[in-house]
Amino acid sequence: MGVRFSVGTLRGPMPAFVVRYRGQIQGYLNRCAHVRVELDAQPGEFFDVSGLYLVCSTHGAAYIPETGYCIGGPCKGQRLIKLAVEERDGSVYLLNNEESIHV
């Protein structure tokens, strides 16, 4: 399960999420690289049934959790927009990044 939240950007608020994969926290804007739809059909369900890939519930695009790189589906070769996040003392923090995201 992932955690959904919203981030402020220069374009306005955008949905985002964080997941834990292989012990590491990964964060992304919650939108498919193919068409701007949110990945999870059910809130917080970002992984495929194997638990190995992030998947778009609309188009079936599969993304590598550590990089956001699409390895299959209509956006193969594209990427999710990664957020700079870190975990400290049991909490996850969004850091400033190149997409001008401010919390």
C-alpha atoms as a PDB file:
ATOM      1  CA  MET A   1       0.000   0.000   0.000  1.00  0.00           C
ATOM      2  CA  GLY A   2       1.104   3.527  -0.731  1.00  0.00           C
ATOM      3  CA  VAL A   3       0.215   6.811   0.902  1.00  0.00           C
ATOM      4  CA  ARG A   4      -1.493   9.454  -1.219  1.00  0.00           C
ATOM      5  CA  PHE A   5      -1.118  13.181  -0.633  1.00  0.00           C
ATOM      6  CA  SER A   6      -1.226  16.434  -2.557  1.00  0.00           C
ATOM      7  CA  VAL A   7       1.689  18.729  -3.369  1.00  0.00           C
ATOM      8  CA  GLY A   8       1.647  22.364  -4.394  1.00  0.00           C
ATOM      9  CA  THR A   9       3.346  23.095  -7.708  1.00  0.00           C
ATOM     10  CA  LEU A  10       3.632  26.121  -9.941  1.00  0.00           C
ATOM     11  CA  ARG A  11       0.723  24.572 -11.876  1.00  0.00           C
ATOM     12  CA  GLY A  12      -1.407  24.180  -8.744  1.00  0.00           C
ATOM     13  CA  PRO A  13      -2.000  21.220  -6.424  1.00  0.00           C
ATOM     14  CA  MET A  14      -1.186  17.796  -7.827  1.00  0.00           C
ATOM     15  CA  PRO A  15      -1.790  14.299  -6.455  1.00  0.00           C
ATOM     16  CA  ALA A  16       1.298  12.406  -5.303  1.00  0.00           C
ATOM     17  CA  PHE A  17       2.188   9.229  -3.456  1.00  0.00           C
ATOM     18  CA  VAL A  18       4.931   7.434  -1.589  1.00  0.00           C
ATOM     19  CA  VAL A  19       5.535   3.686  -1.404  1.00  0.00           C
ATOM     20  CA  ARG A  20       8.050   1.502   0.361  1.00  0.00           C
ATOM     21  CA  TYR A  21       9.906  -0.849  -1.946  1.00  0.00           C
ATOM     22  CA  ARG A  22      12.739  -3.113  -0.791  1.00  0.00           C
ATOM     23  CA  GLY A  23      12.967  -1.094   2.412  1.00  0.00           C
ATOM     24  CA  GLN A  24      13.303   2.283   0.688  1.00  0.00           C
ATOM     25  CA  ILE A  25      10.771   5.100   0.361  1.00  0.00           C
ATOM     26  CA  GLN A  26       9.990   6.243  -3.195  1.00  0.00           C
ATOM     27  CA  GLY A  27       7.789   9.226  -4.089  1.00  0.00           C
ATOM     28  CA  TYR A  28       6.140  10.270  -7.354  1.00  0.00           C
ATOM     29  CA  LEU A  29       3.464  12.503  -8.752  1.00  0.00           C
ATOM     30  CA  ASN A  30       0.392  10.317  -9.062  1.00  0.00           C
ATOM     31  CA  ARG A  31      -0.061  10.471 -12.809  1.00  0.00           C
ATOM     32  CA  CYS A  32       0.658   8.023 -15.589  1.00  0.00           C
ATOM     33  CA  ALA A  33       3.338   9.035 -18.089  1.00  0.00           C
ATOM     34  CA  HIS A  34       0.983   7.989 -20.925  1.00  0.00           C
ATOM     35  CA  VAL A  35      -2.152   9.987 -20.113  1.00  0.00           C
ATOM     36  CA  ARG A  36      -2.527  12.246 -17.093  1.00  0.00           C
ATOM     37  CA  VAL A  37      -4.614   9.865 -14.970  1.00  0.00           C
ATOM     38  CA  GLU A  38      -3.867   8.709 -11.446  1.00  0.00           C
ATOM     39  CA  LEU A  39      -2.203   5.297 -11.210  1.00  0.00           C
ATOM     40  CA  ASP A  40      -4.288   3.758  -8.432  1.00  0.00           C
ATOM     41  CA  ALA A  41      -7.900   2.735  -9.081  1.00  0.00           C
ATOM     42  CA  GLN A  42      -8.253   1.903  -5.392  1.00  0.00           C
ATOM     43  CA  PRO A  43      -6.624   4.492  -3.109  1.00  0.00           C
ATOM     44  CA  GLY A  44      -3.085   3.440  -2.194  1.00  0.00           C
ATOM     45  CA  GLU A  45      -2.909   0.342  -4.432  1.00  0.00           C
ATOM     46  CA  PHE A  46       0.036   1.134  -6.714  1.00  0.00           C
ATOM     47  CA  PHE A  47       1.719  -2.262  -7.117  1.00  0.00           C
ATOM     48  CA  ASP A  48       0.902  -5.088  -9.518  1.00  0.00           C
ATOM     49  CA  VAL A  49      -0.156  -8.448  -8.074  1.00  0.00           C
ATOM     50  CA  SER A  50       3.485  -9.597  -7.894  1.00  0.00           C
ATOM     51  CA  GLY A  51       4.463  -6.542  -5.836  1.00  0.00           C
ATOM     52  CA  LEU A  52       7.416  -5.884  -8.172  1.00  0.00           C
ATOM     53  CA  TYR A  53       6.149  -2.980 -10.295  1.00  0.00           C
ATOM     54  CA  LEU A  54       4.090   0.161  -9.933  1.00  0.00           C
ATOM     55  CA  VAL A  55       1.205  -0.145 -12.372  1.00  0.00           C
ATOM     56  CA  CYS A  56      -1.311   2.200 -13.976  1.00  0.00           C
ATOM     57  CA  SER A  57      -4.736   0.738 -13.317  1.00  0.00           C
ATOM     58  CA  THR A  58      -6.122   2.451 -16.445  1.00  0.00           C
ATOM     59  CA  HIS A  59      -3.578   1.464 -19.100  1.00  0.00           C
ATOM     60  CA  GLY A  60      -1.535  -1.306 -17.489  1.00  0.00           C
ATOM     61  CA  ALA A  61       1.758   0.561 -17.811  1.00  0.00           C
ATOM     62  CA  ALA A  62       4.393  -0.990 -15.522  1.00  0.00           C
ATOM     63  CA  TYR A  63       7.037   1.145 -13.802  1.00  0.00           C
ATOM     64  CA  ILE A  64      10.198   0.229 -11.904  1.00  0.00           C
ATOM     65  CA  PRO A  65       9.577   1.428  -8.312  1.00  0.00           C
ATOM     66  CA  GLU A  66      13.114   2.806  -7.710  1.00  0.00           C
ATOM     67  CA  THR A  67      13.291   4.924 -10.886  1.00  0.00           C
ATOM     68  CA  GLY A  68       9.767   5.386 -12.213  1.00  0.00           C
ATOM     69  CA  TYR A  69      10.971   4.111 -15.605  1.00  0.00           C
ATOM     70  CA  CYS A  70       8.192   2.509 -17.676  1.00  0.00           C
ATOM     71  CA  ILE A  71       9.156  -0.995 -18.826  1.00  0.00           C
ATOM     72  CA  GLY A  72       5.850  -1.968 -20.419  1.00  0.00           C
ATOM     73  CA  GLY A  73       2.641  -0.514 -21.740  1.00  0.00           C
ATOM     74  CA  PRO A  74       1.780   2.465 -23.925  1.00  0.00           C
ATOM     75  CA  CYS A  75       4.410   4.754 -22.367  1.00  0.00           C
ATOM     76  CA  LYS A  76       7.364   2.332 -22.502  1.00  0.00           C
ATOM     77  CA  GLY A  77      10.615   4.276 -22.116  1.00  0.00           C
ATOM     78  CA  GLN A  78       9.015   7.262 -20.347  1.00  0.00           C
ATOM     79  CA  ARG A  79       9.111   7.988 -16.618  1.00  0.00           C
ATOM     80  CA  LEU A  80       6.936   8.997 -13.719  1.00  0.00           C
ATOM     81  CA  ILE A  81       7.872  12.346 -12.162  1.00  0.00           C
ATOM     82  CA  LYS A  82       9.968  11.452  -9.131  1.00  0.00           C
ATOM     83  CA  LEU A  83       9.752  13.414  -5.891  1.00  0.00           C
ATOM     84  CA  ALA A  84      12.677  13.932  -3.566  1.00  0.00           C
ATOM     85  CA  VAL A  85      11.635  12.280  -0.302  1.00  0.00           C
ATOM     86  CA  GLU A  86      13.461  11.046   2.745  1.00  0.00           C
ATOM     87  CA  GLU A  87      12.560   9.126   5.853  1.00  0.00           C
ATOM     88  CA  ARG A  88      13.640  10.395   9.261  1.00  0.00           C
ATOM     89  CA  ASP A  89      12.579   9.132  12.677  1.00  0.00           C
ATOM     90  CA  GLY A  90       9.665   7.159  11.214  1.00  0.00           C
ATOM     91  CA  SER A  91       8.252  10.069   9.181  1.00  0.00           C
ATOM     92  CA  VAL A  92       8.532  10.778   5.453  1.00  0.00           C
ATOM     93  CA  TYR A  93       9.470  14.269   4.304  1.00  0.00           C
ATOM     94  CA  LEU A  94       9.109  15.839   0.885  1.00  0.00           C
ATOM     95  CA  LEU A  95      12.226  17.779  -0.066  1.00  0.00           C
ATOM     96  CA  ASN A  96      12.498  20.660  -2.510  1.00  0.00           C
ATOM     97  CA  ASN A  97      13.106  19.357  -6.045  1.00  0.00           C
ATOM     98  CA  GLU A  98      13.496  20.423  -9.665  1.00  0.00           C
ATOM     99  CA  GLU A  99       9.744  20.333 -10.341  1.00  0.00           C
ATOM    100  CA  SER A 100       9.286  23.375  -8.047  1.00  0.00           C
ATOM    101  CA  ILE A 101       7.153  21.420  -5.598  1.00  0.00           C
ATOM    102  CA  HIS A 102       6.546  23.147  -2.310  1.00  0.00           C
ATOM    103  CA  VAL A 103       4.756  21.736   0.732  1.00  0.00           C
END
